[in-house]
């Protein structure tokens, strides 16, 4: 029988969430340094707006991860969130699918398929080199994208084709303790024996950290 996720690692305010916060915190710092140097040498144009939007998105992600400071300072949950938030916290992503699934889907596309977007965009004439560097400042990011795809695809296939047999009832005669049941094999393949959503977010945060670092490094080399 497979063991479940270690709560000290995967649960709320566990090690994984702390690492996510650290990754996002430094991502915001690195990207802010990059953007500060970038805007000094470039007139206000479309790319500047994209960069500002990206930075604001990272700051929003960071603040949502710590429930806008509640996890650190122990603030009380506001009445608005008490009524709507499923975890009784000061954040938006637990209030509705719109604030949870939409940002998650956008992050999934960006972090897993960004390099494919880069390969297709660079074929067009007149594309700004700065825009291309923003999309893929270093090819090492492709390795993180492939890792994310490897993590995403098995669960996606199993869910899409409804392959998971489901967990048996605990008092059923076919459920034998200390043996690996069929559903546990599928859980292992799809990584659902972990908190898969937290694993996805950890890879998202790592991607943004590395992405921001390489952007900052490119600017530093120019200067």
N, C-alpha and C. Protein backbone atom coordinates (compact mmCIF):
# COMPACT_ATOMS: atom_id res chain seq x y z
N UNK A 1 0.85 -1.20 0.00
CA UNK A 1 0.00 0.00 0.00
C UNK A 1 0.88 1.24 0.00
N UNK A 2 0.64 2.17 -0.93
CA UNK A 2 1.46 3.37 -1.04
C UNK A 2 1.14 4.35 0.09
N UNK A 3 2.19 4.96 0.62
CA UNK A 3 1.99 5.97 1.66
C UNK A 3 1.52 7.27 1.01
N UNK A 4 0.73 8.04 1.76
CA UNK A 4 0.25 9.31 1.26
C UNK A 4 1.32 10.38 1.39
N UNK A 5 1.01 11.57 0.95
CA UNK A 5 1.98 12.66 1.02
C UNK A 5 2.31 13.04 2.46
N UNK A 6 3.56 13.33 2.71
CA UNK A 6 3.99 13.76 4.04
C UNK A 6 3.41 15.14 4.32
N UNK A 7 2.58 15.27 5.37
CA UNK A 7 1.92 16.57 5.64
C UNK A 7 2.92 17.69 5.94
N UNK A 8 4.05 17.36 6.54
CA UNK A 8 5.05 18.40 6.83
C UNK A 8 5.66 18.97 5.55
N UNK A 9 5.61 18.19 4.49
CA UNK A 9 6.19 18.64 3.21
C UNK A 9 5.13 19.27 2.32
N UNK A 10 3.95 18.62 2.21
CA UNK A 10 2.99 18.99 1.17
C UNK A 10 1.79 19.78 1.66
N UNK A 11 1.50 19.77 2.95
CA UNK A 11 0.29 20.44 3.42
C UNK A 11 0.46 21.96 3.49
N UNK A 12 -0.62 22.62 3.85
CA UNK A 12 -0.63 24.08 3.97
C UNK A 12 0.50 24.54 4.89
N UNK A 13 1.28 25.51 4.42
CA UNK A 13 2.43 26.05 5.16
C UNK A 13 3.52 25.01 5.39
N UNK A 14 3.53 23.96 4.57
CA UNK A 14 4.58 22.95 4.64
C UNK A 14 5.82 23.40 3.88
N UNK A 15 6.78 22.50 3.77
CA UNK A 15 8.06 22.82 3.14
C UNK A 15 7.88 23.26 1.70
N UNK A 16 7.00 22.58 0.96
CA UNK A 16 6.80 22.92 -0.45
C UNK A 16 6.28 24.35 -0.61
N UNK A 17 5.32 24.74 0.20
CA UNK A 17 4.78 26.10 0.11
C UNK A 17 5.82 27.15 0.53
N UNK A 18 6.66 26.81 1.49
CA UNK A 18 7.72 27.73 1.89
C UNK A 18 8.72 27.92 0.76
N UNK A 19 9.07 26.81 0.08
CA UNK A 19 10.01 26.89 -1.05
C UNK A 19 9.38 27.69 -2.19
N UNK A 20 8.10 27.49 -2.42
CA UNK A 20 7.40 28.28 -3.45
C UNK A 20 7.49 29.77 -3.15
N UNK A 21 7.27 30.13 -1.90
CA UNK A 21 7.36 31.53 -1.50
C UNK A 21 8.75 32.09 -1.75
N UNK A 22 9.78 31.32 -1.40
CA UNK A 22 11.16 31.76 -1.61
C UNK A 22 11.44 31.95 -3.10
N UNK A 23 11.02 30.98 -3.92
CA UNK A 23 11.22 31.09 -5.37
C UNK A 23 10.54 32.35 -5.92
N UNK A 24 9.28 32.56 -5.50
CA UNK A 24 8.52 33.71 -6.02
C UNK A 24 9.11 35.03 -5.53
N UNK A 25 9.53 35.06 -4.29
CA UNK A 25 10.11 36.27 -3.72
C UNK A 25 11.33 36.72 -4.53
N UNK A 26 12.23 35.79 -4.80
CA UNK A 26 13.43 36.14 -5.57
C UNK A 26 13.11 36.36 -7.04
N UNK A 27 12.06 35.70 -7.54
CA UNK A 27 11.63 35.96 -8.92
C UNK A 27 11.21 37.41 -9.09
N UNK A 28 10.44 37.92 -8.13
CA UNK A 28 9.99 39.31 -8.18
C UNK A 28 11.19 40.26 -8.10
N UNK A 29 12.15 39.95 -7.24
CA UNK A 29 13.34 40.79 -7.12
C UNK A 29 14.14 40.79 -8.41
N UNK A 30 14.42 39.60 -8.95
CA UNK A 30 15.22 39.50 -10.18
C UNK A 30 14.53 40.20 -11.35
N UNK A 31 13.22 39.98 -11.46
CA UNK A 31 12.50 40.57 -12.59
C UNK A 31 12.39 42.08 -12.44
N UNK A 32 12.24 42.55 -11.22
CA UNK A 32 12.18 44.00 -10.98
C UNK A 32 13.49 44.67 -11.39
N UNK A 33 14.62 44.03 -11.06
CA UNK A 33 15.92 44.56 -11.45
C UNK A 33 16.04 44.58 -12.98
N UNK A 34 15.61 43.48 -13.60
CA UNK A 34 15.64 43.40 -15.06
C UNK A 34 14.80 44.51 -15.68
N UNK A 35 13.58 44.68 -15.19
CA UNK A 35 12.69 45.67 -15.79
C UNK A 35 13.18 47.09 -15.56
N UNK A 36 13.73 47.36 -14.39
CA UNK A 36 14.25 48.70 -14.10
C UNK A 36 15.35 49.08 -15.11
N UNK A 37 16.25 48.14 -15.38
CA UNK A 37 17.32 48.40 -16.35
C UNK A 37 16.81 48.43 -17.78
N UNK A 38 15.79 47.59 -18.04
CA UNK A 38 15.24 47.52 -19.41
C UNK A 38 14.56 48.83 -19.79
N UNK A 39 13.73 49.35 -18.91
CA UNK A 39 12.92 50.53 -19.28
C UNK A 39 13.77 51.78 -19.42
N UNK A 40 14.96 51.79 -18.79
CA UNK A 40 15.84 52.95 -18.93
C UNK A 40 16.35 53.11 -20.37
N UNK A 41 16.48 52.00 -21.06
CA UNK A 41 17.06 52.01 -22.41
C UNK A 41 16.05 51.78 -23.52
N UNK A 42 14.77 51.67 -23.15
CA UNK A 42 13.74 51.40 -24.17
C UNK A 42 12.57 52.36 -23.96
N UNK A 43 12.09 52.96 -25.01
CA UNK A 43 10.92 53.83 -24.90
C UNK A 43 9.67 53.02 -24.52
N UNK A 44 8.69 53.71 -23.97
CA UNK A 44 7.45 53.04 -23.62
C UNK A 44 6.80 52.47 -24.88
N UNK A 45 6.61 51.19 -24.89
CA UNK A 45 5.99 50.53 -26.04
C UNK A 45 5.29 49.27 -25.56
N UNK A 46 4.81 48.49 -26.51
CA UNK A 46 3.97 47.34 -26.19
C UNK A 46 4.69 46.37 -25.25
N UNK A 47 5.98 46.11 -25.49
CA UNK A 47 6.70 45.14 -24.66
C UNK A 47 6.76 45.60 -23.20
N UNK A 48 6.89 46.92 -22.99
CA UNK A 48 6.90 47.43 -21.62
C UNK A 48 5.63 47.07 -20.87
N UNK A 49 4.50 47.16 -21.55
CA UNK A 49 3.23 46.82 -20.92
C UNK A 49 3.16 45.33 -20.58
N UNK A 50 3.70 44.51 -21.47
CA UNK A 50 3.73 43.06 -21.21
C UNK A 50 4.59 42.77 -19.98
N UNK A 51 5.74 43.43 -19.89
CA UNK A 51 6.64 43.20 -18.76
C UNK A 51 6.00 43.65 -17.44
N UNK A 52 5.33 44.79 -17.46
CA UNK A 52 4.64 45.27 -16.25
C UNK A 52 3.54 44.29 -15.85
N UNK A 53 2.79 43.81 -16.82
CA UNK A 53 1.72 42.84 -16.54
C UNK A 53 2.28 41.55 -15.96
N UNK A 54 3.41 41.12 -16.51
CA UNK A 54 4.06 39.89 -16.02
C UNK A 54 4.53 40.07 -14.58
N UNK A 55 5.14 41.23 -14.30
CA UNK A 55 5.61 41.50 -12.94
C UNK A 55 4.45 41.57 -11.95
N UNK A 56 3.39 42.24 -12.34
CA UNK A 56 2.21 42.31 -11.47
C UNK A 56 1.62 40.92 -11.23
N UNK A 57 1.66 40.08 -12.27
CA UNK A 57 1.16 38.72 -12.13
C UNK A 57 1.98 37.93 -11.11
N UNK A 58 3.30 38.10 -11.15
CA UNK A 58 4.16 37.41 -10.19
C UNK A 58 3.91 37.90 -8.77
N UNK A 59 3.75 39.22 -8.62
CA UNK A 59 3.48 39.78 -7.29
C UNK A 59 2.14 39.26 -6.76
N UNK A 60 1.14 39.20 -7.64
CA UNK A 60 -0.17 38.66 -7.25
C UNK A 60 -0.04 37.20 -6.81
N UNK A 61 0.70 36.40 -7.59
CA UNK A 61 0.92 34.99 -7.26
C UNK A 61 1.59 34.88 -5.89
N UNK A 62 2.62 35.70 -5.65
CA UNK A 62 3.33 35.68 -4.38
C UNK A 62 2.40 36.01 -3.22
N UNK A 63 1.61 37.06 -3.37
CA UNK A 63 0.71 37.48 -2.29
C UNK A 63 -0.40 36.47 -2.05
N UNK A 64 -0.88 35.84 -3.12
CA UNK A 64 -1.90 34.81 -2.96
C UNK A 64 -1.35 33.60 -2.20
N UNK A 65 -0.08 33.25 -2.46
CA UNK A 65 0.54 32.10 -1.79
C UNK A 65 0.61 32.29 -0.28
N UNK A 66 0.79 33.52 0.16
CA UNK A 66 0.86 33.78 1.61
C UNK A 66 -0.43 34.41 2.12
N UNK A 67 -1.50 34.30 1.29
CA UNK A 67 -2.81 34.87 1.64
C UNK A 67 -2.69 36.33 2.05
N UNK A 68 -1.93 37.07 1.26
CA UNK A 68 -1.73 38.50 1.44
C UNK A 68 -1.20 38.83 2.83
N UNK A 69 -0.28 37.98 3.30
CA UNK A 69 0.40 38.20 4.57
C UNK A 69 -0.19 37.45 5.75
N UNK A 70 -1.34 36.82 5.55
CA UNK A 70 -2.01 36.14 6.66
C UNK A 70 -1.17 34.99 7.20
N UNK A 71 -0.49 34.23 6.31
CA UNK A 71 0.31 33.10 6.75
C UNK A 71 1.52 33.54 7.57
N UNK A 72 1.98 34.76 7.34
CA UNK A 72 3.18 35.26 8.03
C UNK A 72 2.81 36.02 9.30
N UNK A 73 1.83 36.91 9.19
CA UNK A 73 1.50 37.80 10.31
C UNK A 73 0.29 37.34 11.12
N UNK A 74 -0.39 36.30 10.64
CA UNK A 74 -1.52 35.77 11.40
C UNK A 74 -2.74 36.65 11.41
N UNK A 75 -2.93 37.45 10.34
CA UNK A 75 -4.09 38.33 10.28
C UNK A 75 -5.39 37.52 10.28
N UNK A 76 -6.44 38.13 10.83
CA UNK A 76 -7.74 37.49 10.83
C UNK A 76 -8.33 37.50 9.42
N UNK A 77 -9.12 36.49 9.13
CA UNK A 77 -9.78 36.43 7.82
C UNK A 77 -10.87 37.49 7.75
N UNK A 78 -10.85 38.27 6.68
CA UNK A 78 -11.85 39.32 6.49
C UNK A 78 -13.24 38.71 6.29
N UNK A 79 -14.30 39.40 6.69
CA UNK A 79 -15.66 38.87 6.53
C UNK A 79 -15.97 38.46 5.09
N UNK A 80 -15.48 39.24 4.12
CA UNK A 80 -15.72 38.93 2.71
C UNK A 80 -15.20 37.53 2.36
N UNK A 81 -13.98 37.22 2.83
CA UNK A 81 -13.38 35.92 2.53
C UNK A 81 -13.97 34.80 3.38
N UNK A 82 -14.44 35.14 4.59
CA UNK A 82 -15.08 34.13 5.42
C UNK A 82 -16.30 33.53 4.73
N UNK A 83 -16.99 34.36 3.97
CA UNK A 83 -18.21 33.91 3.30
C UNK A 83 -17.91 33.13 2.03
N UNK A 84 -16.83 33.50 1.33
CA UNK A 84 -16.59 32.94 0.00
C UNK A 84 -15.42 31.95 -0.07
N UNK A 85 -14.45 32.09 0.82
CA UNK A 85 -13.23 31.31 0.71
C UNK A 85 -13.42 29.93 1.33
N UNK A 86 -13.11 28.89 0.56
CA UNK A 86 -13.33 27.51 1.02
C UNK A 86 -12.36 27.11 2.12
N UNK A 87 -11.23 27.82 2.26
CA UNK A 87 -10.26 27.50 3.30
C UNK A 87 -10.19 28.58 4.38
N UNK A 88 -11.17 29.50 4.36
CA UNK A 88 -11.25 30.56 5.38
C UNK A 88 -9.96 31.38 5.45
N UNK A 89 -9.44 31.76 4.26
CA UNK A 89 -8.20 32.53 4.18
C UNK A 89 -8.42 33.79 3.35
N UNK A 90 -7.50 34.75 3.52
CA UNK A 90 -7.58 35.99 2.76
C UNK A 90 -6.92 35.83 1.39
N UNK A 91 -7.53 35.08 0.52
CA UNK A 91 -7.03 34.98 -0.85
C UNK A 91 -8.19 34.75 -1.82
N UNK A 92 -7.91 35.01 -3.08
CA UNK A 92 -8.96 34.91 -4.10
C UNK A 92 -9.03 33.53 -4.76
N UNK A 93 -7.90 32.82 -4.80
CA UNK A 93 -7.89 31.59 -5.60
C UNK A 93 -8.71 30.46 -4.97
N UNK A 94 -9.10 30.61 -3.71
CA UNK A 94 -9.98 29.62 -3.09
C UNK A 94 -11.43 30.10 -3.02
N UNK A 95 -11.74 31.16 -3.76
CA UNK A 95 -13.12 31.66 -3.75
C UNK A 95 -13.93 31.17 -4.95
N UNK A 96 -13.26 30.94 -6.08
CA UNK A 96 -13.97 30.47 -7.27
C UNK A 96 -12.98 29.87 -8.26
N UNK A 97 -13.50 29.06 -9.19
CA UNK A 97 -12.67 28.45 -10.22
C UNK A 97 -12.05 29.49 -11.14
N UNK A 98 -12.74 30.62 -11.32
CA UNK A 98 -12.21 31.67 -12.19
C UNK A 98 -10.86 32.16 -11.70
N UNK A 99 -10.74 32.38 -10.39
CA UNK A 99 -9.50 32.90 -9.83
C UNK A 99 -8.46 31.80 -9.58
N UNK A 100 -8.87 30.56 -9.72
CA UNK A 100 -7.94 29.45 -9.51
C UNK A 100 -7.54 28.79 -10.82
N UNK A 101 -8.53 28.32 -11.58
CA UNK A 101 -8.24 27.54 -12.78
C UNK A 101 -7.69 28.38 -13.92
N UNK A 102 -8.19 29.60 -14.08
CA UNK A 102 -7.70 30.44 -15.18
C UNK A 102 -6.22 30.80 -15.01
N UNK A 103 -5.79 31.35 -13.85
CA UNK A 103 -4.35 31.61 -13.69
C UNK A 103 -3.51 30.34 -13.80
N UNK A 104 -4.02 29.22 -13.25
CA UNK A 104 -3.28 27.96 -13.32
C UNK A 104 -3.11 27.50 -14.77
N UNK A 105 -4.17 27.65 -15.57
CA UNK A 105 -4.09 27.25 -16.98
C UNK A 105 -3.10 28.11 -17.75
N UNK A 106 -3.11 29.43 -17.48
CA UNK A 106 -2.18 30.33 -18.15
C UNK A 106 -0.74 30.00 -17.76
N UNK A 107 -0.51 29.71 -16.48
CA UNK A 107 0.83 29.34 -16.03
C UNK A 107 1.28 28.02 -16.63
N UNK A 108 0.36 27.09 -16.75
CA UNK A 108 0.68 25.80 -17.36
C UNK A 108 1.14 25.97 -18.80
N UNK A 109 0.42 26.77 -19.56
CA UNK A 109 0.78 27.02 -20.96
C UNK A 109 2.12 27.74 -21.05
N UNK A 110 2.31 28.76 -20.22
CA UNK A 110 3.53 29.56 -20.27
C UNK A 110 4.77 28.74 -19.90
N UNK A 111 4.66 27.98 -18.82
CA UNK A 111 5.82 27.26 -18.31
C UNK A 111 6.12 25.97 -19.07
N UNK A 112 5.13 25.39 -19.71
CA UNK A 112 5.35 24.12 -20.42
C UNK A 112 5.56 24.30 -21.92
N UNK A 113 4.92 25.30 -22.50
CA UNK A 113 4.96 25.44 -23.97
C UNK A 113 5.60 26.74 -24.43
N UNK A 114 6.22 27.48 -23.52
CA UNK A 114 6.85 28.74 -23.89
C UNK A 114 7.91 28.59 -24.96
N UNK A 115 8.68 27.52 -24.89
CA UNK A 115 9.75 27.31 -25.86
C UNK A 115 9.20 27.00 -27.26
N UNK A 116 8.03 26.36 -27.33
CA UNK A 116 7.41 26.11 -28.63
C UNK A 116 6.86 27.41 -29.22
N UNK A 117 6.32 28.25 -28.37
CA UNK A 117 5.86 29.57 -28.81
C UNK A 117 7.04 30.37 -29.35
N UNK A 118 8.17 30.29 -28.67
CA UNK A 118 9.38 30.98 -29.10
C UNK A 118 9.81 30.52 -30.49
N UNK A 119 9.81 29.21 -30.71
CA UNK A 119 10.26 28.67 -32.00
C UNK A 119 9.36 29.11 -33.14
N UNK A 120 8.08 29.27 -32.88
CA UNK A 120 7.15 29.68 -33.93
C UNK A 120 7.18 31.19 -34.15
N UNK A 121 7.32 31.96 -33.08
CA UNK A 121 7.31 33.41 -33.20
C UNK A 121 8.55 33.92 -33.91
N UNK A 122 9.70 33.32 -33.65
CA UNK A 122 10.95 33.83 -34.21
C UNK A 122 11.04 33.67 -35.73
N UNK A 123 10.11 32.90 -36.31
CA UNK A 123 10.10 32.73 -37.77
C UNK A 123 9.60 33.98 -38.48
N UNK A 124 8.84 34.82 -37.77
CA UNK A 124 8.26 36.00 -38.39
C UNK A 124 9.27 37.14 -38.45
N UNK A 125 9.27 37.85 -39.54
CA UNK A 125 10.14 39.01 -39.69
C UNK A 125 9.63 40.18 -38.85
N UNK A 126 10.55 40.97 -38.35
CA UNK A 126 10.18 42.17 -37.62
C UNK A 126 9.87 41.95 -36.16
N UNK A 127 10.01 40.71 -35.66
CA UNK A 127 9.77 40.45 -34.25
C UNK A 127 10.92 41.02 -33.42
N UNK A 128 10.59 41.75 -32.39
CA UNK A 128 11.60 42.38 -31.54
C UNK A 128 12.50 41.33 -30.88
N UNK A 129 13.82 41.50 -30.98
CA UNK A 129 14.75 40.58 -30.28
C UNK A 129 14.52 40.59 -28.78
N UNK A 130 14.14 41.74 -28.24
CA UNK A 130 13.87 41.83 -26.80
C UNK A 130 12.66 40.99 -26.41
N UNK A 131 11.66 40.95 -27.29
CA UNK A 131 10.48 40.13 -27.03
C UNK A 131 10.85 38.65 -27.04
N UNK A 132 11.69 38.26 -27.99
CA UNK A 132 12.13 36.87 -28.07
C UNK A 132 12.94 36.48 -26.83
N UNK A 133 13.79 37.41 -26.37
CA UNK A 133 14.58 37.13 -25.17
C UNK A 133 13.71 37.03 -23.94
N UNK A 134 12.63 37.81 -23.92
CA UNK A 134 11.70 37.71 -22.80
C UNK A 134 11.05 36.33 -22.77
N UNK A 135 10.66 35.83 -23.92
CA UNK A 135 10.01 34.52 -23.98
C UNK A 135 10.98 33.41 -23.56
N UNK A 136 12.19 33.45 -24.09
CA UNK A 136 13.16 32.38 -23.79
C UNK A 136 14.56 33.00 -23.66
N UNK A 137 14.88 33.50 -22.48
CA UNK A 137 16.19 34.13 -22.29
C UNK A 137 17.34 33.13 -22.26
N UNK A 138 17.03 31.87 -21.98
CA UNK A 138 18.08 30.84 -21.94
C UNK A 138 17.45 29.48 -22.23
N UNK A 139 18.16 28.66 -22.99
CA UNK A 139 17.63 27.35 -23.40
C UNK A 139 17.50 26.37 -22.24
N UNK A 140 18.14 26.66 -21.12
CA UNK A 140 17.99 25.78 -19.96
C UNK A 140 16.55 25.73 -19.46
N UNK A 141 15.77 26.75 -19.79
CA UNK A 141 14.36 26.75 -19.41
C UNK A 141 13.59 25.62 -20.08
N UNK A 142 14.06 25.18 -21.22
CA UNK A 142 13.39 24.08 -21.93
C UNK A 142 13.38 22.82 -21.07
N UNK A 143 14.45 22.60 -20.32
CA UNK A 143 14.52 21.41 -19.45
C UNK A 143 13.43 21.45 -18.39
N UNK A 144 13.16 22.63 -17.85
CA UNK A 144 12.10 22.75 -16.84
C UNK A 144 10.74 22.53 -17.49
N UNK A 145 10.58 23.04 -18.72
CA UNK A 145 9.32 22.83 -19.44
C UNK A 145 9.07 21.35 -19.69
N UNK A 146 10.12 20.63 -20.09
CA UNK A 146 9.98 19.20 -20.33
C UNK A 146 9.63 18.46 -19.04
N UNK A 147 10.26 18.87 -17.94
CA UNK A 147 9.93 18.27 -16.64
C UNK A 147 8.46 18.47 -16.32
N UNK A 148 7.96 19.68 -16.54
CA UNK A 148 6.55 19.96 -16.26
C UNK A 148 5.63 19.13 -17.15
N UNK A 149 5.99 19.00 -18.42
CA UNK A 149 5.18 18.19 -19.34
C UNK A 149 5.14 16.73 -18.89
N UNK A 150 6.30 16.21 -18.46
CA UNK A 150 6.38 14.82 -17.98
C UNK A 150 5.48 14.63 -16.76
N UNK A 151 5.41 15.64 -15.90
CA UNK A 151 4.56 15.56 -14.71
C UNK A 151 3.09 15.70 -15.06
N UNK A 152 2.78 16.54 -16.05
CA UNK A 152 1.39 16.84 -16.41
C UNK A 152 0.72 15.74 -17.21
N UNK A 153 1.43 15.19 -18.19
CA UNK A 153 0.80 14.34 -19.21
C UNK A 153 0.17 13.06 -18.65
N UNK A 154 0.87 12.28 -17.79
CA UNK A 154 0.23 11.04 -17.31
C UNK A 154 -1.10 11.27 -16.62
N UNK A 155 -1.17 12.26 -15.75
CA UNK A 155 -2.42 12.56 -15.05
C UNK A 155 -3.48 13.03 -16.04
N UNK A 156 -3.06 13.83 -17.03
CA UNK A 156 -4.00 14.33 -18.03
C UNK A 156 -4.60 13.18 -18.84
N UNK A 157 -3.77 12.24 -19.24
CA UNK A 157 -4.25 11.09 -20.03
C UNK A 157 -5.19 10.21 -19.21
N UNK A 158 -4.78 9.91 -17.98
CA UNK A 158 -5.59 9.06 -17.11
C UNK A 158 -6.95 9.71 -16.82
N UNK A 159 -6.93 11.02 -16.60
CA UNK A 159 -8.17 11.74 -16.32
C UNK A 159 -9.04 11.87 -17.57
N UNK A 160 -8.40 12.20 -18.71
CA UNK A 160 -9.14 12.42 -19.96
C UNK A 160 -9.85 11.17 -20.42
N UNK A 161 -9.18 10.03 -20.32
CA UNK A 161 -9.75 8.76 -20.80
C UNK A 161 -10.38 7.94 -19.68
N UNK A 162 -10.50 8.56 -18.50
CA UNK A 162 -11.17 7.92 -17.37
C UNK A 162 -10.59 6.53 -17.09
N UNK A 163 -9.28 6.45 -17.01
CA UNK A 163 -8.60 5.16 -16.85
C UNK A 163 -8.47 4.74 -15.39
N UNK A 164 -8.59 5.68 -14.47
CA UNK A 164 -8.37 5.36 -13.06
C UNK A 164 -9.48 4.44 -12.55
N UNK A 165 -9.12 3.30 -11.95
CA UNK A 165 -10.16 2.35 -11.50
C UNK A 165 -10.88 2.80 -10.25
N UNK A 166 -10.35 3.79 -9.55
CA UNK A 166 -10.97 4.25 -8.31
C UNK A 166 -10.53 3.41 -7.12
N UNK A 167 -10.49 4.02 -5.96
CA UNK A 167 -10.07 3.31 -4.75
C UNK A 167 -11.19 2.40 -4.27
N UNK A 168 -10.86 1.18 -3.86
CA UNK A 168 -11.90 0.27 -3.35
C UNK A 168 -12.38 0.69 -1.98
N UNK A 169 -13.56 0.22 -1.59
CA UNK A 169 -14.07 0.48 -0.25
C UNK A 169 -13.18 -0.25 0.75
N UNK A 170 -12.85 0.41 1.85
CA UNK A 170 -11.86 -0.14 2.79
C UNK A 170 -12.27 -1.49 3.37
N UNK A 171 -13.57 -1.70 3.57
CA UNK A 171 -14.00 -2.98 4.15
C UNK A 171 -14.32 -4.02 3.09
N UNK A 172 -13.99 -3.71 1.83
CA UNK A 172 -14.26 -4.67 0.77
C UNK A 172 -13.30 -5.85 0.87
N UNK A 173 -13.75 -7.00 0.47
CA UNK A 173 -12.93 -8.20 0.52
C UNK A 173 -11.77 -8.15 -0.47
N UNK A 174 -11.90 -7.32 -1.51
CA UNK A 174 -10.83 -7.28 -2.52
C UNK A 174 -9.72 -6.31 -2.11
N UNK A 175 -9.94 -5.58 -1.02
CA UNK A 175 -8.91 -4.64 -0.56
C UNK A 175 -8.04 -5.34 0.46
N UNK A 176 -6.78 -5.48 0.14
CA UNK A 176 -5.84 -6.19 1.01
C UNK A 176 -4.78 -5.22 1.49
N UNK A 177 -4.65 -5.11 2.79
CA UNK A 177 -3.65 -4.21 3.37
C UNK A 177 -2.25 -4.73 3.05
N UNK A 178 -1.30 -3.78 2.88
CA UNK A 178 0.10 -4.07 2.60
C UNK A 178 0.31 -4.69 1.22
N UNK A 179 -0.64 -4.52 0.34
CA UNK A 179 -0.44 -4.89 -1.07
C UNK A 179 -0.72 -3.66 -1.92
N UNK A 180 -0.15 -3.63 -3.12
CA UNK A 180 -0.38 -2.51 -4.02
C UNK A 180 -1.61 -2.80 -4.86
N UNK A 181 -2.64 -2.01 -4.66
CA UNK A 181 -3.89 -2.17 -5.39
C UNK A 181 -3.79 -1.49 -6.75
N UNK A 182 -4.65 -1.88 -7.71
CA UNK A 182 -4.60 -1.27 -9.06
C UNK A 182 -4.69 0.24 -9.05
N UNK A 183 -5.55 0.81 -8.18
CA UNK A 183 -5.69 2.27 -8.16
C UNK A 183 -4.40 2.94 -7.71
N UNK A 184 -3.61 2.23 -6.88
CA UNK A 184 -2.36 2.81 -6.40
C UNK A 184 -1.30 2.84 -7.50
N UNK A 185 -1.38 1.91 -8.41
CA UNK A 185 -0.47 1.92 -9.56
C UNK A 185 -0.73 3.15 -10.42
N UNK A 186 -2.01 3.44 -10.65
CA UNK A 186 -2.37 4.63 -11.43
C UNK A 186 -2.01 5.91 -10.66
N UNK A 187 -2.16 5.88 -9.34
CA UNK A 187 -1.77 7.04 -8.53
C UNK A 187 -0.27 7.27 -8.63
N UNK A 188 0.49 6.19 -8.68
CA UNK A 188 1.95 6.31 -8.78
C UNK A 188 2.35 6.86 -10.14
N UNK A 189 1.74 6.34 -11.20
CA UNK A 189 2.07 6.80 -12.56
C UNK A 189 1.73 8.28 -12.73
N UNK A 190 0.59 8.67 -12.21
CA UNK A 190 0.13 10.06 -12.38
C UNK A 190 0.65 10.99 -11.30
N UNK A 191 1.40 10.43 -10.31
CA UNK A 191 1.94 11.19 -9.18
C UNK A 191 0.86 11.71 -8.25
N UNK A 192 -0.31 11.10 -8.30
CA UNK A 192 -1.39 11.53 -7.42
C UNK A 192 -1.26 11.01 -6.00
N UNK A 193 -0.19 10.26 -5.72
CA UNK A 193 0.07 9.90 -4.34
C UNK A 193 0.70 11.08 -3.60
N UNK A 194 1.08 12.12 -4.37
CA UNK A 194 1.51 13.39 -3.82
C UNK A 194 0.36 14.39 -3.95
N UNK A 195 0.56 15.60 -3.47
CA UNK A 195 -0.41 16.66 -3.75
C UNK A 195 0.02 17.26 -5.09
N UNK A 196 -0.58 16.75 -6.15
CA UNK A 196 -0.12 17.05 -7.50
C UNK A 196 -0.21 18.53 -7.82
N UNK A 197 -1.26 19.19 -7.36
CA UNK A 197 -1.40 20.62 -7.64
C UNK A 197 -0.26 21.41 -7.02
N UNK A 198 0.20 21.00 -5.84
CA UNK A 198 1.32 21.68 -5.19
C UNK A 198 2.62 21.43 -5.96
N UNK A 199 2.77 20.23 -6.49
CA UNK A 199 3.95 19.93 -7.30
C UNK A 199 3.98 20.79 -8.56
N UNK A 200 2.83 20.94 -9.20
CA UNK A 200 2.74 21.81 -10.38
C UNK A 200 3.15 23.24 -10.02
N UNK A 201 2.61 23.74 -8.92
CA UNK A 201 2.92 25.12 -8.51
C UNK A 201 4.40 25.28 -8.18
N UNK A 202 4.99 24.25 -7.61
CA UNK A 202 6.43 24.31 -7.29
C UNK A 202 7.25 24.45 -8.57
N UNK A 203 6.87 23.71 -9.61
CA UNK A 203 7.59 23.80 -10.89
C UNK A 203 7.32 25.15 -11.55
N UNK A 204 6.08 25.65 -11.47
CA UNK A 204 5.78 26.99 -11.99
C UNK A 204 6.73 28.02 -11.35
N UNK A 205 6.83 27.97 -10.04
CA UNK A 205 7.64 28.95 -9.30
C UNK A 205 9.12 28.82 -9.66
N UNK A 206 9.58 27.59 -9.82
CA UNK A 206 10.98 27.38 -10.19
C UNK A 206 11.25 27.91 -11.59
N UNK A 207 10.31 27.69 -12.50
CA UNK A 207 10.45 28.21 -13.86
C UNK A 207 10.57 29.73 -13.85
N UNK A 208 9.68 30.38 -13.10
CA UNK A 208 9.70 31.85 -13.06
C UNK A 208 10.98 32.37 -12.41
N UNK A 209 11.49 31.64 -11.42
CA UNK A 209 12.74 32.03 -10.78
C UNK A 209 13.89 32.00 -11.78
N UNK A 210 14.02 30.88 -12.50
CA UNK A 210 15.11 30.73 -13.47
C UNK A 210 14.94 31.71 -14.63
N UNK A 211 13.70 31.87 -15.09
CA UNK A 211 13.40 32.80 -16.17
C UNK A 211 13.80 34.23 -15.79
N UNK A 212 13.43 34.66 -14.59
CA UNK A 212 13.75 36.01 -14.14
C UNK A 212 15.26 36.19 -13.94
N UNK A 213 15.90 35.16 -13.44
CA UNK A 213 17.35 35.23 -13.22
C UNK A 213 18.10 35.44 -14.54
N UNK A 214 17.72 34.68 -15.55
CA UNK A 214 18.41 34.81 -16.84
C UNK A 214 18.12 36.16 -17.50
N UNK A 215 16.92 36.68 -17.34
CA UNK A 215 16.62 38.01 -17.87
C UNK A 215 17.49 39.07 -17.18
N UNK A 216 17.59 38.98 -15.86
CA UNK A 216 18.44 39.91 -15.13
C UNK A 216 19.89 39.78 -15.56
N UNK A 217 20.32 38.54 -15.77
CA UNK A 217 21.71 38.30 -16.17
C UNK A 217 22.01 38.89 -17.54
N UNK A 218 21.05 38.78 -18.47
CA UNK A 218 21.23 39.36 -19.81
C UNK A 218 21.42 40.86 -19.72
N UNK A 219 20.61 41.52 -18.92
CA UNK A 219 20.71 42.97 -18.76
C UNK A 219 22.04 43.38 -18.14
N UNK A 220 22.48 42.61 -17.15
CA UNK A 220 23.75 42.91 -16.48
C UNK A 220 24.93 42.80 -17.46
N UNK A 221 24.85 41.82 -18.36
CA UNK A 221 25.91 41.64 -19.36
C UNK A 221 25.94 42.82 -20.33
N UNK A 222 24.73 43.32 -20.66
CA UNK A 222 24.65 44.47 -21.57
C UNK A 222 25.25 45.72 -20.95
N UNK A 223 25.00 45.86 -19.64
CA UNK A 223 25.47 47.05 -18.95
C UNK A 223 26.92 46.92 -18.49
